[in-house]
Amino acid sequence: MTRSAGAAYSARMDTDLAALEQKLTTLIAHTRALRAANESLRKELAAAHERQRQLTSRMEQASARVDALLARIPE
C-alpha cells in the first residue's frame, strides 16, 4: 500500500469511526430518555392503580351502605 493510499484509508477510517461515535452518542441519549420516560410511566401506573384501589373501596363502602338502607325499608 502506498503512502497516499494509506492516508486515504486512515482518513476514511477516522470518518467512519467519528460517524459511529456520533450514532452511539445518539443511541445512548435515546436510551437514557426512554429509561426516564419508562420510570415516569411506571410511577403514573402505580398511582393509577392506587387510585383505582381507593375508588373500588369507596364503591364497596357505598354499596354496603345502600344495602343497609334497603334492609331497613319495610316491605
N, C-alpha and C. Protein backbone atom coordinates (compact mmCIF):
# COMPACT_ATOMS: atom_id res chain seq x y z
N MET A 1 0.86 -1.17 0.00
CA MET A 1 0.00 0.00 0.00
C MET A 1 0.90 1.23 0.00
N THR A 2 0.60 2.17 -0.84
CA THR A 2 1.41 3.38 -0.92
C THR A 2 1.06 4.31 0.22
N ARG A 3 1.93 5.30 0.40
CA ARG A 3 1.71 6.25 1.49
C ARG A 3 0.40 7.01 1.31
N SER A 4 0.07 7.44 0.10
CA SER A 4 -1.16 8.19 -0.13
C SER A 4 -2.38 7.30 0.03
N ALA A 5 -2.28 6.04 -0.37
CA ALA A 5 -3.40 5.12 -0.19
C ALA A 5 -3.63 4.86 1.29
N GLY A 6 -2.56 4.74 2.05
CA GLY A 6 -2.68 4.54 3.49
C GLY A 6 -3.30 5.73 4.18
N ALA A 7 -2.94 6.91 3.74
CA ALA A 7 -3.51 8.12 4.33
C ALA A 7 -5.00 8.23 4.01
N ALA A 8 -5.37 7.87 2.78
CA ALA A 8 -6.79 7.91 2.41
C ALA A 8 -7.58 6.90 3.22
N TYR A 9 -6.98 5.70 3.39
CA TYR A 9 -7.64 4.65 4.17
C TYR A 9 -7.82 5.12 5.61
N SER A 10 -6.79 5.73 6.17
CA SER A 10 -6.84 6.22 7.54
C SER A 10 -7.88 7.33 7.69
N ALA A 11 -7.95 8.20 6.70
CA ALA A 11 -8.94 9.29 6.76
C ALA A 11 -10.35 8.73 6.69
N ARG A 12 -10.57 7.74 5.82
CA ARG A 12 -11.90 7.12 5.74
C ARG A 12 -12.24 6.42 7.04
N MET A 13 -11.24 5.74 7.63
CA MET A 13 -11.48 5.04 8.89
C MET A 13 -11.83 6.05 9.99
N ASP A 14 -11.11 7.17 10.03
CA ASP A 14 -11.42 8.21 11.01
C ASP A 14 -12.83 8.75 10.82
N THR A 15 -13.23 8.95 9.57
CA THR A 15 -14.57 9.43 9.27
C THR A 15 -15.62 8.41 9.72
N ASP A 16 -15.37 7.13 9.41
CA ASP A 16 -16.30 6.07 9.81
C ASP A 16 -16.39 5.97 11.33
N LEU A 17 -15.25 6.07 11.99
CA LEU A 17 -15.25 5.99 13.45
C LEU A 17 -15.98 7.18 14.06
N ALA A 18 -15.80 8.35 13.49
CA ALA A 18 -16.50 9.54 14.00
C ALA A 18 -18.01 9.39 13.81
N ALA A 19 -18.41 8.85 12.65
CA ALA A 19 -19.84 8.64 12.41
C ALA A 19 -20.41 7.61 13.38
N LEU A 20 -19.64 6.55 13.62
CA LEU A 20 -20.08 5.51 14.57
C LEU A 20 -20.17 6.09 15.97
N GLU A 21 -19.21 6.90 16.34
CA GLU A 21 -19.24 7.53 17.66
C GLU A 21 -20.48 8.42 17.81
N GLN A 22 -20.81 9.16 16.78
CA GLN A 22 -22.00 10.02 16.82
C GLN A 22 -23.27 9.19 16.95
N LYS A 23 -23.33 8.08 16.22
CA LYS A 23 -24.50 7.21 16.30
C LYS A 23 -24.63 6.60 17.70
N LEU A 24 -23.49 6.21 18.27
CA LEU A 24 -23.53 5.65 19.63
C LEU A 24 -23.96 6.70 20.64
N THR A 25 -23.48 7.91 20.48
CA THR A 25 -23.88 9.01 21.38
C THR A 25 -25.38 9.25 21.30
N THR A 26 -25.90 9.24 20.07
CA THR A 26 -27.34 9.42 19.88
C THR A 26 -28.12 8.27 20.49
N LEU A 27 -27.64 7.05 20.28
CA LEU A 27 -28.31 5.87 20.84
C LEU A 27 -28.33 5.91 22.36
N ILE A 28 -27.22 6.29 22.96
CA ILE A 28 -27.15 6.38 24.42
C ILE A 28 -28.12 7.44 24.93
N ALA A 29 -28.18 8.56 24.25
CA ALA A 29 -29.11 9.63 24.66
C ALA A 29 -30.56 9.15 24.56
N HIS A 30 -30.89 8.47 23.48
CA HIS A 30 -32.25 7.94 23.32
C HIS A 30 -32.55 6.90 24.39
N THR A 31 -31.60 6.04 24.68
CA THR A 31 -31.79 5.01 25.70
C THR A 31 -32.06 5.65 27.05
N ARG A 32 -31.29 6.67 27.39
CA ARG A 32 -31.49 7.36 28.68
C ARG A 32 -32.86 8.03 28.73
N ALA A 33 -33.25 8.65 27.63
CA ALA A 33 -34.56 9.31 27.59
C ALA A 33 -35.68 8.29 27.73
N LEU A 34 -35.53 7.15 27.06
CA LEU A 34 -36.56 6.10 27.16
C LEU A 34 -36.62 5.52 28.56
N ARG A 35 -35.48 5.35 29.20
CA ARG A 35 -35.49 4.85 30.59
C ARG A 35 -36.19 5.82 31.52
N ALA A 36 -35.93 7.11 31.33
CA ALA A 36 -36.58 8.13 32.17
C ALA A 36 -38.08 8.13 31.92
N ALA A 37 -38.48 8.04 30.65
CA ALA A 37 -39.91 8.01 30.32
C ALA A 37 -40.55 6.76 30.89
N ASN A 38 -39.85 5.64 30.81
CA ASN A 38 -40.37 4.39 31.34
C ASN A 38 -40.58 4.48 32.86
N GLU A 39 -39.63 5.06 33.55
CA GLU A 39 -39.75 5.23 35.00
C GLU A 39 -40.94 6.13 35.33
N SER A 40 -41.10 7.20 34.58
CA SER A 40 -42.23 8.10 34.78
C SER A 40 -43.55 7.36 34.56
N LEU A 41 -43.61 6.56 33.51
CA LEU A 41 -44.83 5.79 33.24
C LEU A 41 -45.11 4.76 34.33
N ARG A 42 -44.05 4.15 34.86
CA ARG A 42 -44.24 3.20 35.97
C ARG A 42 -44.86 3.90 37.17
N LYS A 43 -44.38 5.10 37.47
CA LYS A 43 -44.92 5.85 38.61
C LYS A 43 -46.37 6.24 38.36
N GLU A 44 -46.67 6.68 37.13
CA GLU A 44 -48.06 7.03 36.79
C GLU A 44 -48.97 5.82 36.89
N LEU A 45 -48.49 4.67 36.45
CA LEU A 45 -49.30 3.45 36.51
C LEU A 45 -49.54 3.05 37.96
N ALA A 46 -48.52 3.14 38.79
CA ALA A 46 -48.68 2.81 40.21
C ALA A 46 -49.71 3.76 40.85
N ALA A 47 -49.64 5.04 40.51
CA ALA A 47 -50.61 6.00 41.05
C ALA A 47 -52.01 5.68 40.56
N ALA A 48 -52.14 5.29 39.31
CA ALA A 48 -53.46 4.95 38.76
C ALA A 48 -54.01 3.71 39.45
N HIS A 49 -53.15 2.73 39.71
CA HIS A 49 -53.61 1.52 40.41
C HIS A 49 -54.07 1.87 41.82
N GLU A 50 -53.33 2.74 42.49
CA GLU A 50 -53.72 3.15 43.85
C GLU A 50 -55.05 3.89 43.81
N ARG A 51 -55.23 4.76 42.85
CA ARG A 51 -56.49 5.49 42.71
C ARG A 51 -57.64 4.52 42.44
N GLN A 52 -57.40 3.54 41.58
CA GLN A 52 -58.43 2.54 41.29
C GLN A 52 -58.77 1.75 42.55
N ARG A 53 -57.75 1.39 43.33
CA ARG A 53 -58.00 0.67 44.58
C ARG A 53 -58.85 1.49 45.53
N GLN A 54 -58.54 2.79 45.63
CA GLN A 54 -59.32 3.67 46.51
C GLN A 54 -60.76 3.79 46.03
N LEU A 55 -60.95 3.96 44.74
CA LEU A 55 -62.31 4.09 44.20
C LEU A 55 -63.10 2.81 44.37
N THR A 56 -62.45 1.67 44.18
CA THR A 56 -63.13 0.38 44.39
C THR A 56 -63.57 0.24 45.84
N SER A 57 -62.70 0.64 46.75
CA SER A 57 -63.03 0.58 48.17
C SER A 57 -64.21 1.50 48.49
N ARG A 58 -64.20 2.69 47.93
CA ARG A 58 -65.32 3.62 48.18
C ARG A 58 -66.62 3.08 47.61
N MET A 59 -66.55 2.46 46.43
CA MET A 59 -67.76 1.88 45.84
C MET A 59 -68.30 0.74 46.70
N GLU A 60 -67.40 -0.08 47.23
CA GLU A 60 -67.84 -1.18 48.09
C GLU A 60 -68.49 -0.65 49.36
N GLN A 61 -67.91 0.41 49.93
CA GLN A 61 -68.50 1.01 51.12
C GLN A 61 -69.87 1.61 50.82
N ALA A 62 -69.98 2.29 49.69
CA ALA A 62 -71.26 2.88 49.31
C ALA A 62 -72.29 1.79 49.06
N SER A 63 -71.88 0.72 48.42
CA SER A 63 -72.79 -0.39 48.16
C SER A 63 -73.28 -1.01 49.47
N ALA A 64 -72.38 -1.15 50.44
CA ALA A 64 -72.77 -1.70 51.74
C ALA A 64 -73.75 -0.78 52.45
N ARG A 65 -73.54 0.53 52.34
CA ARG A 65 -74.47 1.48 52.97
C ARG A 65 -75.84 1.41 52.30
N VAL A 66 -75.87 1.32 50.97
CA VAL A 66 -77.15 1.22 50.25
C VAL A 66 -77.85 -0.07 50.64
N ASP A 67 -77.10 -1.16 50.70
CA ASP A 67 -77.70 -2.44 51.11
C ASP A 67 -78.28 -2.34 52.52
N ALA A 68 -77.56 -1.67 53.43
CA ALA A 68 -78.06 -1.50 54.79
C ALA A 68 -79.31 -0.65 54.81
N LEU A 69 -79.36 0.40 54.00
CA LEU A 69 -80.55 1.24 53.94
C LEU A 69 -81.73 0.46 53.36
N LEU A 70 -81.49 -0.31 52.32
CA LEU A 70 -82.55 -1.11 51.72
C LEU A 70 -83.09 -2.15 52.70
N ALA A 71 -82.22 -2.69 53.52
CA ALA A 71 -82.64 -3.69 54.51
C ALA A 71 -83.53 -3.07 55.56
N ARG A 72 -83.38 -1.78 55.81
CA ARG A 72 -84.19 -1.10 56.84
C ARG A 72 -85.54 -0.66 56.32
N ILE A 73 -85.75 -0.62 55.02
CA ILE A 73 -87.01 -0.20 54.45
C ILE A 73 -88.05 -1.33 54.65
N PRO A 74 -89.17 -0.97 55.25
CA PRO A 74 -90.18 -2.02 55.44
C PRO A 74 -90.79 -2.41 54.08
N GLU A 75 -91.17 -3.67 54.00
CA GLU A 75 -91.75 -4.15 52.74
C GLU A 75 -93.20 -3.94 52.69
